[in-house]
Amino acid sequence: MSTKEKILDVALTLFAKNGYDGTSVEQIAGIVGIKAPSLYKPFIAR
């Protein structure tokens, strides 16, 4: 599973559990195992 797929999977799980407003970038990044600023890199068009 790619980092992008992991991010999406974790985000979906947290959004379902906590709602969009109850989920932080830091939470998603922490579970994926990356730093919060690195969360955006897989989504930048190349």
C-alpha atoms as a PDB file:
ATOM      1  CA  MET A   1       0.000   0.000   0.000  1.00  0.00           C
ATOM      2  CA  SER A   2       1.421   3.381  -0.974  1.00  0.00           C
ATOM      3  CA  THR A   3       1.728   6.268   1.464  1.00  0.00           C
ATOM      4  CA  LYS A   4      -1.072   8.061  -0.367  1.00  0.00           C
ATOM      5  CA  GLU A   5      -3.355   5.045   0.039  1.00  0.00           C
ATOM      6  CA  LYS A   6      -2.448   4.764   3.742  1.00  0.00           C
ATOM      7  CA  ILE A   7      -3.268   8.442   4.279  1.00  0.00           C
ATOM      8  CA  LEU A   8      -6.638   8.079   2.577  1.00  0.00           C
ATOM      9  CA  ASP A   9      -7.467   4.900   4.499  1.00  0.00           C
ATOM     10  CA  VAL A  10      -6.557   6.396   7.877  1.00  0.00           C
ATOM     11  CA  ALA A  11      -8.334   9.671   7.102  1.00  0.00           C
ATOM     12  CA  LEU A  12     -11.533   7.881   6.090  1.00  0.00           C
ATOM     13  CA  THR A  13     -11.468   5.785   9.246  1.00  0.00           C
ATOM     14  CA  LEU A  14     -10.919   8.814  11.487  1.00  0.00           C
ATOM     15  CA  PHE A  15     -13.536  10.908   9.672  1.00  0.00           C
ATOM     16  CA  ALA A  16     -16.079   8.112  10.131  1.00  0.00           C
ATOM     17  CA  LYS A  17     -15.210   7.799  13.816  1.00  0.00           C
ATOM     18  CA  ASN A  18     -14.636  11.446  14.836  1.00  0.00           C
ATOM     19  CA  GLY A  19     -16.157  13.480  12.014  1.00  0.00           C
ATOM     20  CA  TYR A  20     -14.299  15.910   9.797  1.00  0.00           C
ATOM     21  CA  ASP A  21     -14.074  18.610  12.466  1.00  0.00           C
ATOM     22  CA  GLY A  22     -12.904  16.091  15.050  1.00  0.00           C
ATOM     23  CA  THR A  23      -9.953  14.841  13.004  1.00  0.00           C
ATOM     24  CA  SER A  24      -6.644  16.658  12.771  1.00  0.00           C
ATOM     25  CA  VAL A  25      -3.830  16.496  10.257  1.00  0.00           C
ATOM     26  CA  GLU A  26      -1.543  15.583  13.152  1.00  0.00           C
ATOM     27  CA  GLN A  27      -3.724  12.587  14.039  1.00  0.00           C
ATOM     28  CA  ILE A  28      -3.699  11.275  10.478  1.00  0.00           C
ATOM     29  CA  ALA A  29       0.050  11.786  10.061  1.00  0.00           C
ATOM     30  CA  GLY A  30       0.826  10.186  13.420  1.00  0.00           C
ATOM     31  CA  ILE A  31      -1.067   7.013  12.603  1.00  0.00           C
ATOM     32  CA  VAL A  32       0.471   6.802   9.131  1.00  0.00           C
ATOM     33  CA  GLY A  33       3.922   7.308  10.671  1.00  0.00           C
ATOM     34  CA  ILE A  34       4.912  10.559   8.978  1.00  0.00           C
ATOM     35  CA  LYS A  35       5.228  14.177  10.073  1.00  0.00           C
ATOM     36  CA  ALA A  36       2.203  16.420   9.517  1.00  0.00           C
ATOM     37  CA  PRO A  37       3.825  18.646   6.837  1.00  0.00           C
ATOM     38  CA  SER A  38       4.691  15.514   4.820  1.00  0.00           C
ATOM     39  CA  LEU A  39       1.023  14.580   4.630  1.00  0.00           C
ATOM     40  CA  TYR A  40       0.465  16.775   1.574  1.00  0.00           C
ATOM     41  CA  LYS A  41       3.413  15.622  -0.544  1.00  0.00           C
ATOM     42  CA  PRO A  42       1.743  12.544  -2.107  1.00  0.00           C
ATOM     43  CA  PHE A  43      -1.118  14.737  -3.354  1.00  0.00           C
ATOM     44  CA  ILE A  44       0.940  17.389  -5.140  1.00  0.00           C
ATOM     45  CA  ALA A  45       0.653  17.070  -8.928  1.00  0.00           C
ATOM     46  CA  ARG A  46       3.927  16.366 -10.641  1.00  0.00           C
END
